[in-house]
Amino acid sequence: MSERVLRGSRLGSVSYETERGTEDSAPRQDVVYVCPKGHRTVLPFSMEAELPDFWQCKVCGSAATRVGAEEPTRKAGKAPRTHWDMLLERRTVDDLEEVLAERLAVLRGQEPHRKAS
């Protein structure tokens, strides 16, 4: 058995591949992104790649802007609807005051006063 010893290599050993027949890597460019807190992130991109205007900051996680990129135009979005806005779509303020008076009367142990409709 000692005549037939298997030879191997350990993890992290030198690669046995040769560089023969391979192409050089694509040309690269370093792109700098800066977040609002001043953290700088430098990333390598291919010369042919479309560069994103924003990248997540590796330090604080906020949106970092590419140095030299044009400031994007902000779209005017509509304000988010609040619970109060949705409530006013279904009821008037007078109706809400009446419902409030009824609920307060129930909580105080009184008989609610109802208007004749």
C-alpha atoms as a PDB file:
ATOM      1  CA  MET A   1       0.000   0.000   0.000  1.00  0.00           C
ATOM      2  CA  SER A   2       2.876   2.353   0.684  1.00  0.00           C
ATOM      3  CA  GLU A   3       3.871   2.105  -2.986  1.00  0.00           C
ATOM      4  CA  ARG A   4       0.641   3.716  -4.118  1.00  0.00           C
ATOM      5  CA  VAL A   5       0.367   6.913  -2.073  1.00  0.00           C
ATOM      6  CA  LEU A   6      -2.127   9.468  -3.347  1.00  0.00           C
ATOM      7  CA  ARG A   7      -0.683  12.929  -3.644  1.00  0.00           C
ATOM      8  CA  GLY A   8      -2.965  15.903  -3.226  1.00  0.00           C
ATOM      9  CA  SER A   9      -2.885  19.513  -2.393  1.00  0.00           C
ATOM     10  CA  ARG A  10      -4.238  21.337   0.588  1.00  0.00           C
ATOM     11  CA  LEU A  11      -6.792  24.132   0.610  1.00  0.00           C
ATOM     12  CA  GLY A  12      -5.396  27.476  -0.433  1.00  0.00           C
ATOM     13  CA  SER A  13      -2.491  26.009  -2.313  1.00  0.00           C
ATOM     14  CA  VAL A  14      -1.074  27.371  -5.534  1.00  0.00           C
ATOM     15  CA  SER A  15      -3.208  27.015  -8.643  1.00  0.00           C
ATOM     16  CA  TYR A  16      -1.892  24.724 -11.349  1.00  0.00           C
ATOM     17  CA  GLU A  17      -3.581  26.647 -14.141  1.00  0.00           C
ATOM     18  CA  THR A  18      -1.446  28.576 -16.587  1.00  0.00           C
ATOM     19  CA  GLU A  19      -2.088  31.998 -18.067  1.00  0.00           C
ATOM     20  CA  ARG A  20      -1.556  30.621 -21.558  1.00  0.00           C
ATOM     21  CA  GLY A  21      -4.530  31.087 -23.916  1.00  0.00           C
ATOM     22  CA  THR A  22      -6.402  33.564 -21.735  1.00  0.00           C
ATOM     23  CA  GLU A  23      -7.376  37.091 -22.590  1.00  0.00           C
ATOM     24  CA  ASP A  24      -6.526  40.063 -20.434  1.00  0.00           C
ATOM     25  CA  SER A  25      -9.353  41.329 -18.244  1.00  0.00           C
ATOM     26  CA  ALA A  26     -11.623  44.043 -19.618  1.00  0.00           C
ATOM     27  CA  PRO A  27     -10.413  47.625 -19.204  1.00  0.00           C
ATOM     28  CA  ARG A  28     -11.625  49.092 -15.910  1.00  0.00           C
ATOM     29  CA  GLN A  29     -12.377  52.510 -14.487  1.00  0.00           C
ATOM     30  CA  ASP A  30     -12.620  53.549 -10.852  1.00  0.00           C
ATOM     31  CA  VAL A  31     -15.852  55.389  -9.987  1.00  0.00           C
ATOM     32  CA  VAL A  32     -16.184  57.441  -6.789  1.00  0.00           C
ATOM     33  CA  TYR A  33     -19.456  57.712  -4.847  1.00  0.00           C
ATOM     34  CA  VAL A  34     -19.956  60.110  -1.913  1.00  0.00           C
ATOM     35  CA  CYS A  35     -22.829  59.880   0.588  1.00  0.00           C
ATOM     36  CA  PRO A  36     -24.399  62.901   2.382  1.00  0.00           C
ATOM     37  CA  LYS A  37     -22.265  62.143   5.479  1.00  0.00           C
ATOM     38  CA  GLY A  38     -19.047  62.423   3.446  1.00  0.00           C
ATOM     39  CA  HIS A  39     -18.126  58.737   3.186  1.00  0.00           C
ATOM     40  CA  ARG A  40     -16.294  57.954  -0.078  1.00  0.00           C
ATOM     41  CA  THR A  41     -16.702  54.641  -1.879  1.00  0.00           C
ATOM     42  CA  VAL A  42     -14.487  53.747  -4.851  1.00  0.00           C
ATOM     43  CA  LEU A  43     -15.753  50.938  -7.101  1.00  0.00           C
ATOM     44  CA  PRO A  44     -14.188  49.431 -10.231  1.00  0.00           C
ATOM     45  CA  PHE A  45     -16.477  49.237 -13.277  1.00  0.00           C
ATOM     46  CA  SER A  46     -15.894  48.060 -16.812  1.00  0.00           C
ATOM     47  CA  MET A  47     -15.315  50.857 -19.322  1.00  0.00           C
ATOM     48  CA  GLU A  48     -18.366  49.583 -21.227  1.00  0.00           C
ATOM     49  CA  ALA A  49     -20.689  49.433 -18.207  1.00  0.00           C
ATOM     50  CA  GLU A  50     -23.544  51.866 -17.700  1.00  0.00           C
ATOM     51  CA  LEU A  51     -22.700  53.670 -14.467  1.00  0.00           C
ATOM     52  CA  PRO A  52     -25.458  53.978 -11.856  1.00  0.00           C
ATOM     53  CA  ASP A  53     -25.999  57.464 -10.414  1.00  0.00           C
ATOM     54  CA  PHE A  54     -26.554  56.094  -6.893  1.00  0.00           C
ATOM     55  CA  TRP A  55     -24.873  53.381  -4.814  1.00  0.00           C
ATOM     56  CA  GLN A  56     -25.540  52.304  -1.250  1.00  0.00           C
ATOM     57  CA  CYS A  57     -22.874  53.613   1.129  1.00  0.00           C
ATOM     58  CA  LYS A  58     -20.873  50.770   2.671  1.00  0.00           C
ATOM     59  CA  VAL A  59     -20.452  52.652   5.963  1.00  0.00           C
ATOM     60  CA  CYS A  60     -23.864  54.161   6.810  1.00  0.00           C
ATOM     61  CA  GLY A  61     -26.197  52.608   4.211  1.00  0.00           C
ATOM     62  CA  SER A  62     -27.537  55.887   2.808  1.00  0.00           C
ATOM     63  CA  ALA A  63     -27.696  56.637  -0.932  1.00  0.00           C
ATOM     64  CA  ALA A  64     -24.296  57.799  -2.205  1.00  0.00           C
ATOM     65  CA  THR A  65     -24.172  59.941  -5.358  1.00  0.00           C
ATOM     66  CA  ARG A  66     -21.641  59.381  -8.127  1.00  0.00           C
ATOM     67  CA  VAL A  67     -19.048  62.143  -8.344  1.00  0.00           C
ATOM     68  CA  GLY A  68     -19.506  63.992 -11.626  1.00  0.00           C
ATOM     69  CA  ALA A  69     -23.066  62.764 -12.201  1.00  0.00           C
ATOM     70  CA  GLU A  70     -25.760  65.258 -13.063  1.00  0.00           C
ATOM     71  CA  GLU A  71     -28.234  65.985 -10.289  1.00  0.00           C
ATOM     72  CA  PRO A  72     -31.417  64.051 -11.117  1.00  0.00           C
ATOM     73  CA  THR A  73     -34.618  66.029 -11.381  1.00  0.00           C
ATOM     74  CA  ARG A  74     -37.005  65.281  -8.573  1.00  0.00           C
ATOM     75  CA  LYS A  75     -40.489  64.198  -9.577  1.00  0.00           C
ATOM     76  CA  ALA A  76     -43.280  66.054  -7.872  1.00  0.00           C
ATOM     77  CA  GLY A  77     -45.130  63.286  -6.119  1.00  0.00           C
ATOM     78  CA  LYS A  78     -48.463  63.618  -4.462  1.00  0.00           C
ATOM     79  CA  ALA A  79     -48.574  63.685  -0.692  1.00  0.00           C
ATOM     80  CA  PRO A  80     -49.422  60.382   0.996  1.00  0.00           C
ATOM     81  CA  ARG A  81     -53.000  60.015   2.186  1.00  0.00           C
ATOM     82  CA  THR A  82     -53.326  59.964   5.954  1.00  0.00           C
ATOM     83  CA  HIS A  83     -55.995  58.196   7.987  1.00  0.00           C
ATOM     84  CA  TRP A  84     -57.653  61.561   8.567  1.00  0.00           C
ATOM     85  CA  ASP A  85     -57.839  62.236   4.811  1.00  0.00           C
ATOM     86  CA  MET A  86     -59.458  58.859   4.173  1.00  0.00           C
ATOM     87  CA  LEU A  87     -61.906  59.411   7.038  1.00  0.00           C
ATOM     88  CA  LEU A  88     -62.929  62.788   5.620  1.00  0.00           C
ATOM     89  CA  GLU A  89     -63.668  61.100   2.292  1.00  0.00           C
ATOM     90  CA  ARG A  90     -66.344  58.980   4.016  1.00  0.00           C
ATOM     91  CA  ARG A  91     -67.766  61.336   6.674  1.00  0.00           C
ATOM     92  CA  THR A  92     -68.203  65.040   7.310  1.00  0.00           C
ATOM     93  CA  VAL A  93     -66.791  66.791  10.372  1.00  0.00           C
ATOM     94  CA  ASP A  94     -70.328  67.131  11.797  1.00  0.00           C
ATOM     95  CA  ASP A  95     -70.845  63.346  11.479  1.00  0.00           C
ATOM     96  CA  LEU A  96     -67.542  62.723  13.224  1.00  0.00           C
ATOM     97  CA  GLU A  97     -68.445  65.058  16.096  1.00  0.00           C
ATOM     98  CA  GLU A  98     -71.741  63.198  16.530  1.00  0.00           C
ATOM     99  CA  VAL A  99     -69.990  59.798  16.599  1.00  0.00           C
ATOM    100  CA  LEU A 100     -67.479  61.165  19.118  1.00  0.00           C
ATOM    101  CA  ALA A 101     -70.260  62.446  21.388  1.00  0.00           C
ATOM    102  CA  GLU A 102     -71.990  59.032  21.227  1.00  0.00           C
ATOM    103  CA  ARG A 103     -68.813  57.122  22.114  1.00  0.00           C
ATOM    104  CA  LEU A 104     -67.985  59.493  24.985  1.00  0.00           C
ATOM    105  CA  ALA A 105     -71.500  59.037  26.364  1.00  0.00           C
ATOM    106  CA  VAL A 106     -71.106  55.242  26.239  1.00  0.00           C
ATOM    107  CA  LEU A 107     -67.748  55.461  28.004  1.00  0.00           C
ATOM    108  CA  ARG A 108     -69.196  57.696  30.703  1.00  0.00           C
ATOM    109  CA  GLY A 109     -72.101  55.300  31.244  1.00  0.00           C
ATOM    110  CA  GLN A 110     -74.729  57.638  29.883  1.00  0.00           C
ATOM    111  CA  GLU A 111     -77.357  56.918  27.282  1.00  0.00           C
ATOM    112  CA  PRO A 112     -76.165  58.287  23.926  1.00  0.00           C
ATOM    113  CA  HIS A 113     -78.141  61.250  22.603  1.00  0.00           C
ATOM    114  CA  ARG A 114     -79.181  60.633  18.996  1.00  0.00           C
ATOM    115  CA  LYS A 115     -80.468  63.149  16.506  1.00  0.00           C
ATOM    116  CA  ALA A 116     -83.522  62.331  14.488  1.00  0.00           C
ATOM    117  CA  SER A 117     -82.497  61.777  10.898  1.00  0.00           C
END
